[in-house]
Amino acid sequence: MGQALTIEVRHEQGYAIVTAAGEIDISTVTGLRERLFELAASGRPPVVDLDQVSFIDSAGLAALVGTAKRAAARRQPARGLRAADDPRAVPPDGAGMPDIAARTLAEALEALAAARTTPS
């Protein structure tokens, strides 16, 4: 069994910053997915900080993509995921994530702010 997953949420600059730590896989993803989907439905754009994630599998990627789709359906910017420096935790380019991924939390927040000011 892998490392346990912890999830913390704080509110900053009008966003829900979700910090995950540990491993995101089929055995740990349920709580994260529920929390992210709840935040996306609330109208508060979630920003997911994966800096402390040591591993993410396809179930974790699906939760992130699903969150982005739910946010986009509410006309929220579909960006703001921070990828960790550990290559095992970084979603691969072919995972459908490049348009919503950012390398730093500051970059994610800047992209979200730019999306707010860019006319659709």
PDB file of N, CA and C in Angstrom:
ATOM      1  N   MET A   1       0.846  -1.188   0.000  1.00  0.00           N
ATOM      2  CA  MET A   1       0.000   0.000   0.000  1.00  0.00           C
ATOM      3  C   MET A   1       0.880   1.236   0.000  1.00  0.00           C
ATOM      4  N   GLY A   2       0.466   2.232  -0.712  1.00  0.00           N
ATOM      5  CA  GLY A   2       1.229   3.463  -0.843  1.00  0.00           C
ATOM      6  C   GLY A   2       1.008   4.409   0.321  1.00  0.00           C
ATOM      7  N   GLN A   3       1.506   5.577   0.114  1.00  0.00           N
ATOM      8  CA  GLN A   3       1.421   6.642   1.094  1.00  0.00           C
ATOM      9  C   GLN A   3      -0.011   7.164   1.179  1.00  0.00           C
ATOM     10  N   ALA A   4      -0.486   7.436   2.389  1.00  0.00           N
ATOM     11  CA  ALA A   4      -1.834   7.975   2.574  1.00  0.00           C
ATOM     12  C   ALA A   4      -1.947   9.344   1.911  1.00  0.00           C
ATOM     13  N   LEU A   5      -3.154   9.700   1.529  1.00  0.00           N
ATOM     14  CA  LEU A   5      -3.410  10.989   0.898  1.00  0.00           C
ATOM     15  C   LEU A   5      -4.067  11.916   1.899  1.00  0.00           C
ATOM     16  N   THR A   6      -3.523  13.116   2.022  1.00  0.00           N
ATOM     17  CA  THR A   6      -4.169  14.143   2.837  1.00  0.00           C
ATOM     18  C   THR A   6      -4.595  15.274   1.912  1.00  0.00           C
ATOM     19  N   ILE A   7      -5.695  15.913   2.281  1.00  0.00           N
ATOM     20  CA  ILE A   7      -6.261  16.985   1.472  1.00  0.00           C
ATOM     21  C   ILE A   7      -6.571  18.160   2.401  1.00  0.00           C
ATOM     22  N   GLU A   8      -6.044  19.325   2.060  1.00  0.00           N
ATOM     23  CA  GLU A   8      -6.343  20.543   2.806  1.00  0.00           C
ATOM     24  C   GLU A   8      -6.877  21.581   1.832  1.00  0.00           C
ATOM     25  N   VAL A   9      -7.858  22.360   2.281  1.00  0.00           N
ATOM     26  CA  VAL A   9      -8.446  23.408   1.439  1.00  0.00           C
ATOM     27  C   VAL A   9      -8.338  24.731   2.181  1.00  0.00           C
ATOM     28  N   ARG A  10      -7.858  25.738   1.461  1.00  0.00           N
ATOM     29  CA  ARG A  10      -7.853  27.102   2.000  1.00  0.00           C
ATOM     30  C   ARG A  10      -8.398  28.018   0.915  1.00  0.00           C
ATOM     31  N   HIS A  11      -8.900  29.153   1.314  1.00  0.00           N
ATOM     32  CA  HIS A  11      -9.478  30.092   0.357  1.00  0.00           C
ATOM     33  C   HIS A  11      -8.571  31.313   0.273  1.00  0.00           C
ATOM     34  N   GLU A  12      -8.209  31.644  -0.967  1.00  0.00           N
ATOM     35  CA  GLU A  12      -7.249  32.711  -1.202  1.00  0.00           C
ATOM     36  C   GLU A  12      -7.529  33.346  -2.561  1.00  0.00           C
ATOM     37  N   GLN A  13      -7.545  34.654  -2.612  1.00  0.00           N
ATOM     38  CA  GLN A  13      -7.725  35.403  -3.861  1.00  0.00           C
ATOM     39  C   GLN A  13      -8.971  34.957  -4.626  1.00  0.00           C
ATOM     40  N   GLY A  14     -10.013  34.563  -3.913  1.00  0.00           N
ATOM     41  CA  GLY A  14     -11.262  34.151  -4.550  1.00  0.00           C
ATOM     42  C   GLY A  14     -11.264  32.727  -5.065  1.00  0.00           C
ATOM     43  N   TYR A  15     -10.225  31.958  -4.760  1.00  0.00           N
ATOM     44  CA  TYR A  15     -10.123  30.575  -5.218  1.00  0.00           C
ATOM     45  C   TYR A  15     -10.058  29.633  -4.027  1.00  0.00           C
ATOM     46  N   ALA A  16     -10.441  28.416  -4.261  1.00  0.00           N
ATOM     47  CA  ALA A  16     -10.255  27.363  -3.276  1.00  0.00           C
ATOM     48  C   ALA A  16      -8.948  26.669  -3.644  1.00  0.00           C
ATOM     49  N   ILE A  17      -7.934  26.813  -2.790  1.00  0.00           N
ATOM     50  CA  ILE A  17      -6.637  26.188  -3.022  1.00  0.00           C
ATOM     51  C   ILE A  17      -6.662  24.837  -2.313  1.00  0.00           C
ATOM     52  N   VAL A  18      -6.573  23.770  -3.092  1.00  0.00           N
ATOM     53  CA  VAL A  18      -6.612  22.411  -2.558  1.00  0.00           C
ATOM     54  C   VAL A  18      -5.195  21.866  -2.602  1.00  0.00           C
ATOM     55  N   THR A  19      -4.654  21.553  -1.435  1.00  0.00           N
ATOM     56  CA  THR A  19      -3.314  20.975  -1.357  1.00  0.00           C
ATOM     57  C   THR A  19      -3.450  19.495  -1.045  1.00  0.00           C
ATOM     58  N   ALA A  20      -2.941  18.679  -1.949  1.00  0.00           N
ATOM     59  CA  ALA A  20      -2.930  17.231  -1.754  1.00  0.00           C
ATOM     60  C   ALA A  20      -1.511  16.810  -1.423  1.00  0.00           C
ATOM     61  N   ALA A  21      -1.379  15.824  -0.531  1.00  0.00           N
ATOM     62  CA  ALA A  21      -0.060  15.296  -0.171  1.00  0.00           C
ATOM     63  C   ALA A  21      -0.163  13.784  -0.055  1.00  0.00           C
ATOM     64  N   GLY A  22       0.810  13.096  -0.627  1.00  0.00           N
ATOM     65  CA  GLY A  22       0.825  11.638  -0.601  1.00  0.00           C
ATOM     66  C   GLY A  22       0.664  11.080  -1.994  1.00  0.00           C
ATOM     67  N   GLU A  23      -0.006   9.940  -2.094  1.00  0.00           N
ATOM     68  CA  GLU A  23      -0.222   9.296  -3.384  1.00  0.00           C
ATOM     69  C   GLU A  23      -1.690   9.363  -3.774  1.00  0.00           C
ATOM     70  N   ILE A  24      -1.930   9.716  -5.038  1.00  0.00           N
ATOM     71  CA  ILE A  24      -3.296   9.738  -5.568  1.00  0.00           C
ATOM     72  C   ILE A  24      -3.405   8.541  -6.503  1.00  0.00           C
ATOM     73  N   ASP A  25      -4.193   7.565  -6.058  1.00  0.00           N
ATOM     74  CA  ASP A  25      -4.394   6.361  -6.863  1.00  0.00           C
ATOM     75  C   ASP A  25      -5.809   5.841  -6.634  1.00  0.00           C
ATOM     76  N   ILE A  26      -6.107   4.717  -7.208  1.00  0.00           N
ATOM     77  CA  ILE A  26      -7.464   4.163  -7.149  1.00  0.00           C
ATOM     78  C   ILE A  26      -7.945   3.980  -5.706  1.00  0.00           C
ATOM     79  N   SER A  27      -7.034   3.730  -4.783  1.00  0.00           N
ATOM     80  CA  SER A  27      -7.452   3.504  -3.397  1.00  0.00           C
ATOM     81  C   SER A  27      -7.612   4.794  -2.593  1.00  0.00           C
ATOM     82  N   THR A  28      -7.109   5.930  -3.099  1.00  0.00           N
ATOM     83  CA  THR A  28      -7.187   7.183  -2.340  1.00  0.00           C
ATOM     84  C   THR A  28      -7.958   8.295  -3.043  1.00  0.00           C
ATOM     85  N   VAL A  29      -8.336   8.086  -4.297  1.00  0.00           N
ATOM     86  CA  VAL A  29      -8.869   9.176  -5.112  1.00  0.00           C
ATOM     87  C   VAL A  29     -10.291   9.596  -4.736  1.00  0.00           C
ATOM     88  N   THR A  30     -11.076   8.729  -4.145  1.00  0.00           N
ATOM     89  CA  THR A  30     -12.493   9.029  -3.912  1.00  0.00           C
ATOM     90  C   THR A  30     -12.703  10.316  -3.120  1.00  0.00           C
ATOM     91  N   GLY A  31     -12.015  10.474  -2.003  1.00  0.00           N
ATOM     92  CA  GLY A  31     -12.177  11.677  -1.192  1.00  0.00           C
ATOM     93  C   GLY A  31     -11.749  12.935  -1.924  1.00  0.00           C
ATOM     94  N   LEU A  32     -10.659  12.840  -2.670  1.00  0.00           N
ATOM     95  CA  LEU A  32     -10.191  13.994  -3.436  1.00  0.00           C
ATOM     96  C   LEU A  32     -11.192  14.359  -4.520  1.00  0.00           C
ATOM     97  N   ARG A  33     -11.644  13.365  -5.269  1.00  0.00           N
ATOM     98  CA  ARG A  33     -12.604  13.625  -6.355  1.00  0.00           C
ATOM     99  C   ARG A  33     -13.872  14.270  -5.798  1.00  0.00           C
ATOM    100  N   GLU A  34     -14.406  13.741  -4.713  1.00  0.00           N
ATOM    101  CA  GLU A  34     -15.628  14.310  -4.130  1.00  0.00           C
ATOM    102  C   GLU A  34     -15.420  15.759  -3.714  1.00  0.00           C
ATOM    103  N   ARG A  35     -14.280  16.030  -3.081  1.00  0.00           N
ATOM    104  CA  ARG A  35     -14.010  17.397  -2.621  1.00  0.00           C
ATOM    105  C   ARG A  35     -13.847  18.347  -3.807  1.00  0.00           C
ATOM    106  N   LEU A  36     -13.109  17.923  -4.831  1.00  0.00           N
ATOM    107  CA  LEU A  36     -12.896  18.771  -6.005  1.00  0.00           C
ATOM    108  C   LEU A  36     -14.191  19.029  -6.755  1.00  0.00           C
ATOM    109  N   PHE A  37     -15.012  17.996  -6.930  1.00  0.00           N
ATOM    110  CA  PHE A  37     -16.280  18.167  -7.643  1.00  0.00           C
ATOM    111  C   PHE A  37     -17.208  19.091  -6.858  1.00  0.00           C
ATOM    112  N   GLU A  38     -17.185  18.973  -5.533  1.00  0.00           N
ATOM    113  CA  GLU A  38     -18.002  19.851  -4.681  1.00  0.00           C
ATOM    114  C   GLU A  38     -17.561  21.308  -4.848  1.00  0.00           C
ATOM    115  N   LEU A  39     -16.264  21.541  -4.847  1.00  0.00           N
ATOM    116  CA  LEU A  39     -15.752  22.906  -5.021  1.00  0.00           C
ATOM    117  C   LEU A  39     -16.078  23.450  -6.403  1.00  0.00           C
ATOM    118  N   ALA A  40     -15.921  22.630  -7.434  1.00  0.00           N
ATOM    119  CA  ALA A  40     -16.237  23.079  -8.795  1.00  0.00           C
ATOM    120  C   ALA A  40     -17.708  23.443  -8.908  1.00  0.00           C
ATOM    121  N   ALA A  41     -18.579  22.684  -8.251  1.00  0.00           N
ATOM    122  CA  ALA A  41     -20.017  22.951  -8.298  1.00  0.00           C
ATOM    123  C   ALA A  41     -20.393  24.185  -7.483  1.00  0.00           C
ATOM    124  N   SER A  42     -19.554  24.557  -6.512  1.00  0.00           N
ATOM    125  CA  SER A  42     -19.869  25.689  -5.638  1.00  0.00           C
ATOM    126  C   SER A  42     -19.655  27.035  -6.324  1.00  0.00           C
ATOM    127  N   GLY A  43     -18.977  27.025  -7.476  1.00  0.00           N
ATOM    128  CA  GLY A  43     -18.700  28.279  -8.156  1.00  0.00           C
ATOM    129  C   GLY A  43     -17.371  28.888  -7.763  1.00  0.00           C
ATOM    130  N   ARG A  44     -16.665  28.260  -6.847  1.00  0.00           N
ATOM    131  CA  ARG A  44     -15.338  28.725  -6.459  1.00  0.00           C
ATOM    132  C   ARG A  44     -14.308  27.929  -7.235  1.00  0.00           C
ATOM    133  N   PRO A  45     -13.617  28.534  -8.178  1.00  0.00           N
ATOM    134  CA  PRO A  45     -12.680  27.774  -8.994  1.00  0.00           C
ATOM    135  C   PRO A  45     -11.608  27.104  -8.131  1.00  0.00           C
ATOM    136  N   PRO A  46     -11.481  25.773  -8.220  1.00  0.00           N
ATOM    137  CA  PRO A  46     -10.448  25.102  -7.435  1.00  0.00           C
ATOM    138  C   PRO A  46      -9.091  25.167  -8.119  1.00  0.00           C
ATOM    139  N   VAL A  47      -8.067  25.363  -7.311  1.00  0.00           N
ATOM    140  CA  VAL A  47      -6.682  25.301  -7.754  1.00  0.00           C
ATOM    141  C   VAL A  47      -6.064  24.151  -6.970  1.00  0.00           C
ATOM    142  N   VAL A  48      -5.564  23.156  -7.670  1.00  0.00           N
ATOM    143  CA  VAL A  48      -5.044  21.968  -7.008  1.00  0.00           C
ATOM    144  C   VAL A  48      -3.526  22.030  -6.980  1.00  0.00           C
ATOM    145  N   ASP A  49      -2.975  22.015  -5.780  1.00  0.00           N
ATOM    146  CA  ASP A  49      -1.534  22.051  -5.582  1.00  0.00           C
ATOM    147  C   ASP A  49      -1.048  20.617  -5.391  1.00  0.00           C
ATOM    148  N   LEU A  50      -0.304  20.115  -6.364  1.00  0.00           N
ATOM    149  CA  LEU A  50       0.192  18.737  -6.340  1.00  0.00           C
ATOM    150  C   LEU A  50       1.667  18.672  -5.937  1.00  0.00           C
ATOM    151  N   ASP A  51       2.185  19.732  -5.375  1.00  0.00           N
ATOM    152  CA  ASP A  51       3.605  19.798  -5.059  1.00  0.00           C
ATOM    153  C   ASP A  51       4.033  18.703  -4.074  1.00  0.00           C
ATOM    154  N   GLN A  52       3.139  18.269  -3.207  1.00  0.00           N
ATOM    155  CA  GLN A  52       3.478  17.260  -2.209  1.00  0.00           C
ATOM    156  C   GLN A  52       2.967  15.873  -2.589  1.00  0.00           C
ATOM    157  N   VAL A  53       2.537  15.717  -3.828  1.00  0.00           N
ATOM    158  CA  VAL A  53       2.059  14.415  -4.317  1.00  0.00           C
ATOM    159  C   VAL A  53       3.250  13.657  -4.875  1.00  0.00           C
ATOM    160  N   SER A  54       3.432  12.417  -4.413  1.00  0.00           N
ATOM    161  CA  SER A  54       4.569  11.617  -4.859  1.00  0.00           C
ATOM    162  C   SER A  54       4.219  10.691  -6.019  1.00  0.00           C
ATOM    163  N   PHE A  55       2.916  10.481  -6.262  1.00  0.00           N
ATOM    164  CA  PHE A  55       2.488   9.583  -7.333  1.00  0.00           C
ATOM    165  C   PHE A  55       1.041   9.905  -7.680  1.00  0.00           C
ATOM    166  N   ILE A  56       0.717   9.824  -8.966  1.00  0.00           N
ATOM    167  CA  ILE A  56      -0.672   9.979  -9.399  1.00  0.00           C
ATOM    168  C   ILE A  56      -0.919   8.991 -10.528  1.00  0.00           C
ATOM    169  N   ASP A  57      -2.033   8.238 -10.433  1.00  0.00           N
ATOM    170  CA  ASP A  57      -2.354   7.271 -11.487  1.00  0.00           C
ATOM    171  C   ASP A  57      -3.498   7.793 -12.341  1.00  0.00           C
ATOM    172  N   SER A  58      -3.997   6.945 -13.219  1.00  0.00           N
ATOM    173  CA  SER A  58      -5.048   7.376 -14.149  1.00  0.00           C
ATOM    174  C   SER A  58      -6.331   7.771 -13.426  1.00  0.00           C
ATOM    175  N   ALA A  59      -6.623   7.171 -12.287  1.00  0.00           N
ATOM    176  CA  ALA A  59      -7.813   7.564 -11.528  1.00  0.00           C
ATOM    177  C   ALA A  59      -7.662   8.995 -11.015  1.00  0.00           C
ATOM    178  N   GLY A  60      -6.468   9.341 -10.584  1.00  0.00           N
ATOM    179  CA  GLY A  60      -6.199  10.708 -10.134  1.00  0.00           C
ATOM    180  C   GLY A  60      -6.282  11.697 -11.275  1.00  0.00           C
ATOM    181  N   LEU A  61      -5.711  11.332 -12.422  1.00  0.00           N
ATOM    182  CA  LEU A  61      -5.796  12.199 -13.600  1.00  0.00           C
ATOM    183  C   LEU A  61      -7.248  12.406 -14.009  1.00  0.00           C
ATOM    184  N   ALA A  62      -8.035  11.340 -13.965  1.00  0.00           N
ATOM    185  CA  ALA A  62      -9.452  11.445 -14.325  1.00  0.00           C
ATOM    186  C   ALA A  62     -10.182  12.405 -13.381  1.00  0.00           C
ATOM    187  N   ALA A  63      -9.854  12.374 -12.107  1.00  0.00           N
ATOM    188  CA  ALA A  63     -10.479  13.292 -11.146  1.00  0.00           C
ATOM    189  C   ALA A  63     -10.126  14.738 -11.469  1.00  0.00           C
ATOM    190  N   LEU A  64      -8.879  14.987 -11.850  1.00  0.00           N
ATOM    191  CA  LEU A  64      -8.453  16.341 -12.192  1.00  0.00           C
ATOM    192  C   LEU A  64      -9.119  16.834 -13.475  1.00  0.00           C
ATOM    193  N   VAL A  65      -9.158  15.976 -14.482  1.00  0.00           N
ATOM    194  CA  VAL A  65      -9.808  16.347 -15.741  1.00  0.00           C
ATOM    195  C   VAL A  65     -11.303  16.554 -15.520  1.00  0.00           C
ATOM    196  N   GLY A  66     -11.920  15.684 -14.738  1.00  0.00           N
ATOM    197  CA  GLY A  66     -13.349  15.829 -14.434  1.00  0.00           C
ATOM    198  C   GLY A  66     -13.646  17.131 -13.709  1.00  0.00           C
ATOM    199  N   THR A  67     -12.762  17.517 -12.802  1.00  0.00           N
ATOM    200  CA  THR A  67     -12.927  18.788 -12.087  1.00  0.00           C
ATOM    201  C   THR A  67     -12.841  19.956 -13.067  1.00  0.00           C
ATOM    202  N   ALA A  68     -11.867  19.905 -13.968  1.00  0.00           N
ATOM    203  CA  ALA A  68     -11.721  20.977 -14.963  1.00  0.00           C
ATOM    204  C   ALA A  68     -12.961  21.071 -15.847  1.00  0.00           C
ATOM    205  N   LYS A  69     -13.515  19.926 -16.234  1.00  0.00           N
ATOM    206  CA  LYS A  69     -14.720  19.936 -17.068  1.00  0.00           C
ATOM    207  C   LYS A  69     -15.906  20.522 -16.309  1.00  0.00           C
ATOM    208  N   ARG A  70     -16.030  20.186 -15.036  1.00  0.00           N
ATOM    209  CA  ARG A  70     -17.133  20.740 -14.234  1.00  0.00           C
ATOM    210  C   ARG A  70     -16.967  22.249 -14.064  1.00  0.00           C
ATOM    211  N   ALA A  71     -15.739  22.696 -13.851  1.00  0.00           N
ATOM    212  CA  ALA A  71     -15.484  24.131 -13.723  1.00  0.00           C
ATOM    213  C   ALA A  71     -15.809  24.842 -15.031  1.00  0.00           C
ATOM    214  N   ALA A  72     -15.395  24.251 -16.151  1.00  0.00           N
ATOM    215  CA  ALA A  72     -15.665  24.856 -17.457  1.00  0.00           C
ATOM    216  C   ALA A  72     -17.163  24.923 -17.731  1.00  0.00           C
ATOM    217  N   ALA A  73     -17.919  23.919 -17.297  1.00  0.00           N
ATOM    218  CA  ALA A  73     -19.368  23.917 -17.497  1.00  0.00           C
ATOM    219  C   ALA A  73     -20.030  25.070 -16.746  1.00  0.00           C
ATOM    220  N   ARG A  74     -19.388  25.515 -15.676  1.00  0.00           N
ATOM    221  CA  ARG A  74     -19.902  26.660 -14.905  1.00  0.00           C
ATOM    222  C   ARG A  74     -19.257  27.963 -15.376  1.00  0.00           C
ATOM    223  N   ARG A  75     -18.568  27.883 -16.532  1.00  0.00           N
ATOM    224  CA  ARG A  75     -17.876  29.032 -17.120  1.00  0.00           C
ATOM    225  C   ARG A  75     -16.789  29.583 -16.216  1.00  0.00           C
ATOM    226  N   GLN A  76     -16.172  28.696 -15.476  1.00  0.00           N
ATOM    227  CA  GLN A  76     -15.006  29.049 -14.677  1.00  0.00           C
ATOM    228  C   GLN A  76     -13.781  28.706 -15.515  1.00  0.00           C
ATOM    229  N   PRO A  77     -12.691  29.401 -15.289  1.00  0.00           N
ATOM    230  CA  PRO A  77     -11.473  29.042 -16.009  1.00  0.00           C
ATOM    231  C   PRO A  77     -11.071  27.612 -15.682  1.00  0.00           C
ATOM    232  N   ALA A  78     -10.702  26.864 -16.697  1.00  0.00           N
ATOM    233  CA  ALA A  78     -10.314  25.464 -16.507  1.00  0.00           C
ATOM    234  C   ALA A  78      -8.799  25.363 -16.426  1.00  0.00           C
ATOM    235  N   ARG A  79      -8.228  26.092 -15.508  1.00  0.00           N
ATOM    236  CA  ARG A  79      -6.780  26.071 -15.297  1.00  0.00           C
ATOM    237  C   ARG A  79      -6.517  26.076 -13.818  1.00  0.00           C
ATOM    238  N   GLY A  80      -5.244  25.946 -13.497  1.00  0.00           N
ATOM    239  CA  GLY A  80      -4.866  26.154 -12.117  1.00  0.00           C
ATOM    240  C   GLY A  80      -4.337  24.947 -11.400  1.00  0.00           C
ATOM    241  N   LEU A  81      -3.931  23.927 -12.115  1.00  0.00           N
ATOM    242  CA  LEU A  81      -3.367  22.776 -11.451  1.00  0.00           C
ATOM    243  C   LEU A  81      -1.862  22.959 -11.356  1.00  0.00           C
ATOM    244  N   ARG A  82      -1.339  22.783 -10.177  1.00  0.00           N
ATOM    245  CA  ARG A  82       0.095  22.915  -9.988  1.00  0.00           C
ATOM    246  C   ARG A  82       0.701  21.526  -9.969  1.00  0.00           C
ATOM    247  N   ALA A  83       1.625  21.282 -10.834  1.00  0.00           N
ATOM    248  CA  ALA A  83       2.294  19.992 -10.897  1.00  0.00           C
ATOM    249  C   ALA A  83       3.555  20.010 -10.044  1.00  0.00           C
ATOM    250  N   ALA A  84       3.854  18.891  -9.450  1.00  0.00           N
ATOM    251  CA  ALA A  84       5.042  18.780  -8.609  1.00  0.00           C
ATOM    252  C   ALA A  84       6.300  18.641  -9.455  1.00  0.00           C
ATOM    253  N   ASP A  85       7.446  18.833  -8.816  1.00  0.00           N
ATOM    254  CA  ASP A  85       8.713  18.662  -9.510  1.00  0.00           C
ATOM    255  C   ASP A  85       9.024  17.189  -9.760  1.00  0.00           C
ATOM    256  N   ASP A  86       8.452  16.307  -8.963  1.00  0.00           N
ATOM    257  CA  ASP A  86       8.673  14.869  -9.111  1.00  0.00           C
ATOM    258  C   ASP A  86       7.989  14.396 -10.388  1.00  0.00           C
ATOM    259  N   PRO A  87       8.734  13.882 -11.367  1.00  0.00           N
ATOM    260  CA  PRO A  87       8.122  13.503 -12.641  1.00  0.00           C
ATOM    261  C   PRO A  87       7.057  12.428 -12.510  1.00  0.00           C
ATOM    262  N   ARG A  88       7.071  11.637 -11.438  1.00  0.00           N
ATOM    263  CA  ARG A  88       6.029  10.628 -11.252  1.00  0.00           C
ATOM    264  C   ARG A  88       4.689  11.271 -10.915  1.00  0.00           C
ATOM    265  N   ALA A  89       4.709  12.511 -10.423  1.00  0.00           N
ATOM    266  CA  ALA A  89       3.479  13.189 -10.021  1.00  0.00           C
ATOM    267  C   ALA A  89       2.969  14.153 -11.079  1.00  0.00           C
ATOM    268  N   VAL A  90       3.771  14.401 -12.096  1.00  0.00           N
ATOM    269  CA  VAL A  90       3.384  15.360 -13.126  1.00  0.00           C
ATOM    270  C   VAL A  90       2.536  14.668 -14.182  1.00  0.00           C
ATOM    271  N   PRO A  91       1.327  15.145 -14.424  1.00  0.00           N
ATOM    272  CA  PRO A  91       0.524  14.543 -15.491  1.00  0.00           C
ATOM    273  C   PRO A  91       1.243  14.646 -16.825  1.00  0.00           C
ATOM    274  N   PRO A  92       1.327  13.562 -17.571  1.00  0.00           N
ATOM    275  CA  PRO A  92       2.005  13.614 -18.869  1.00  0.00           C
ATOM    276  C   PRO A  92       1.252  14.483 -19.859  1.00  0.00           C
ATOM    277  N   ASP A  93       1.974  15.017 -20.844  1.00  0.00           N
ATOM    278  CA  ASP A  93       1.364  15.902 -21.838  1.00  0.00           C
ATOM    279  C   ASP A  93       0.194  15.244 -22.551  1.00  0.00           C
ATOM    280  N   GLY A  94       0.261  13.958 -22.780  1.00  0.00           N
ATOM    281  CA  GLY A  94      -0.804  13.257 -23.484  1.00  0.00           C
ATOM    282  C   GLY A  94      -2.017  12.951 -22.628  1.00  0.00           C
ATOM    283  N   ALA A  95      -2.035  13.437 -21.390  1.00  0.00           N
ATOM    284  CA  ALA A  95      -3.131  13.114 -20.473  1.00  0.00           C
ATOM    285  C   ALA A  95      -4.297  14.083 -20.584  1.00  0.00           C
ATOM    286  N   GLY A  96      -4.266  14.992 -21.551  1.00  0.00           N
ATOM    287  CA  GLY A  96      -5.352  15.951 -21.698  1.00  0.00           C
ATOM    288  C   GLY A  96      -5.265  17.084 -20.706  1.00  0.00           C
ATOM    289  N   MET A  97      -4.110  17.300 -20.109  1.00  0.00           N
ATOM    290  CA  MET A  97      -3.957  18.266 -19.045  1.00  0.00           C
ATOM    291  C   MET A  97      -3.187  19.537 -19.409  1.00  0.00           C
ATOM    292  N   PRO A  98      -2.451  19.620 -20.523  1.00  0.00           N
ATOM    293  CA  PRO A  98      -1.561  20.759 -20.699  1.00  0.00           C
ATOM    294  C   PRO A  98      -2.253  22.111 -20.634  1.00  0.00           C
ATOM    295  N   ASP A  99      -3.492  22.214 -21.056  1.00  0.00           N
ATOM    296  CA  ASP A  99      -4.186  23.506 -21.039  1.00  0.00           C
ATOM    297  C   ASP A  99      -4.589  23.949 -19.644  1.00  0.00           C
ATOM    298  N   ILE A 100      -4.583  23.035 -18.691  1.00  0.00           N
ATOM    299  CA  ILE A 100      -5.008  23.405 -17.348  1.00  0.00           C
ATOM    300  C   ILE A 100      -3.896  23.288 -16.333  1.00  0.00           C
ATOM    301  N   ALA A 101      -2.722  22.851 -16.746  1.00  0.00           N
ATOM    302  CA  ALA A 101      -1.619  22.652 -15.818  1.00  0.00           C
ATOM    303  C   ALA A 101      -0.734  23.882 -15.732  1.00  0.00           C
ATOM    304  N   ALA A 102      -0.187  24.100 -14.554  1.00  0.00           N
ATOM    305  CA  ALA A 102       0.780  25.157 -14.304  1.00  0.00           C
ATOM    306  C   ALA A 102       1.882  24.554 -13.447  1.00  0.00           C
ATOM    307  N   ARG A 103       3.049  25.096 -13.527  1.00  0.00           N
ATOM    308  CA  ARG A 103       4.187  24.563 -12.773  1.00  0.00           C
ATOM    309  C   ARG A 103       4.279  25.115 -11.350  1.00  0.00           C
ATOM    310  N   THR A 104       3.726  26.288 -11.106  1.00  0.00           N
ATOM    311  CA  THR A 104       3.775  26.867  -9.764  1.00  0.00           C
ATOM    312  C   THR A 104       2.391  27.376  -9.387  1.00  0.00           C
ATOM    313  N   LEU A 105       2.182  27.531  -8.116  1.00  0.00           N
ATOM    314  CA  LEU A 105       0.909  28.071  -7.653  1.00  0.00           C
ATOM    315  C   LEU A 105       0.729  29.498  -8.161  1.00  0.00           C
ATOM    316  N   ALA A 106       1.794  30.289  -8.144  1.00  0.00           N
ATOM    317  CA  ALA A 106       1.718  31.668  -8.654  1.00  0.00           C
ATOM    318  C   ALA A 106       1.334  31.676 -10.129  1.00  0.00           C
ATOM    319  N   GLU A 107       1.920  30.769 -10.916  1.00  0.00           N
ATOM    320  CA  GLU A 107       1.588  30.673 -12.340  1.00  0.00           C
ATOM    321  C   GLU A 107       0.122  30.303 -12.531  1.00  0.00           C
ATOM    322  N   ALA A 108      -0.366  29.383 -11.719  1.00  0.00           N
ATOM    323  CA  ALA A 108      -1.766  28.970 -11.809  1.00  0.00           C
ATOM    324  C   ALA A 108      -2.691  30.139 -11.513  1.00  0.00           C
ATOM    325  N   LEU A 109      -2.400  30.886 -10.459  1.00  0.00           N
ATOM    326  CA  LEU A 109      -3.246  32.030 -10.095  1.00  0.00           C
ATOM    327  C   LEU A 109      -3.180  33.131 -11.150  1.00  0.00           C
ATOM    328  N   GLU A 110      -1.999  33.338 -11.731  1.00  0.00           N
ATOM    329  CA  GLU A 110      -1.867  34.328 -12.809  1.00  0.00           C
ATOM    330  C   GLU A 110      -2.698  33.920 -14.029  1.00  0.00           C
ATOM    331  N   ALA A 111      -2.664  32.640 -14.389  1.00  0.00           N
ATOM    332  CA  ALA A 111      -3.442  32.159 -15.532  1.00  0.00           C
ATOM    333  C   ALA A 111      -4.936  32.320 -15.285  1.00  0.00           C
ATOM    334  N   LEU A 112      -5.361  32.049 -14.075  1.00  0.00           N
ATOM    335  CA  LEU A 112      -6.775  32.204 -13.729  1.00  0.00           C
ATOM    336  C   LEU A 112      -7.184  33.669 -13.783  1.00  0.00           C
ATOM    337  N   ALA A 113      -6.337  34.555 -13.265  1.00  0.00           N
ATOM    338  CA  ALA A 113      -6.644  35.986 -13.304  1.00  0.00           C
ATOM    339  C   ALA A 113      -6.708  36.484 -14.741  1.00  0.00           C
ATOM    340  N   ALA A 114      -5.796  36.019 -15.578  1.00  0.00           N
ATOM    341  CA  ALA A 114      -5.807  36.419 -16.994  1.00  0.00           C
ATOM    342  C   ALA A 114      -7.071  35.908 -17.692  1.00  0.00           C
ATOM    343  N   ALA A 115      -7.486  34.705 -17.345  1.00  0.00           N
ATOM    344  CA  ALA A 115      -8.696  34.141 -17.960  1.00  0.00           C
ATOM    345  C   ALA A 115      -9.938  34.926 -17.550  1.00  0.00           C
ATOM    346  N   ARG A 116      -9.931  35.467 -16.349  1.00  0.00           N
ATOM    347  CA  ARG A 116     -11.065  36.275 -15.891  1.00  0.00           C
ATOM    348  C   ARG A 116     -11.194  37.561 -16.682  1.00  0.00           C
ATOM    349  N   THR A 117     -10.061  38.122 -17.093  1.00  0.00           N
ATOM    350  CA  THR A 117     -10.084  39.415 -17.773  1.00  0.00           C
ATOM    351  C   THR A 117     -10.139  39.300 -19.287  1.00  0.00           C
ATOM    352  N   THR A 118      -9.942  38.082 -19.808  1.00  0.00           N
ATOM    353  CA  THR A 118      -9.990  37.868 -21.260  1.00  0.00           C
ATOM    354  C   THR A 118     -11.422  37.617 -21.672  1.00  0.00           C
ATOM    355  N   PRO A 119     -11.964  38.400 -22.623  1.00  0.00           N
ATOM    356  CA  PRO A 119     -13.330  38.175 -23.065  1.00  0.00           C
ATOM    357  C   PRO A 119     -13.442  36.835 -23.790  1.00  0.00           C
ATOM    358  N   SER A 120     -14.579  36.153 -23.600  1.00  0.00           N
ATOM    359  CA  SER A 120     -14.810  34.852 -24.245  1.00  0.00           C
ATOM    360  C   SER A 120     -15.195  35.021 -25.680  1.00  0.00           C
TER     361      SER A 120
END
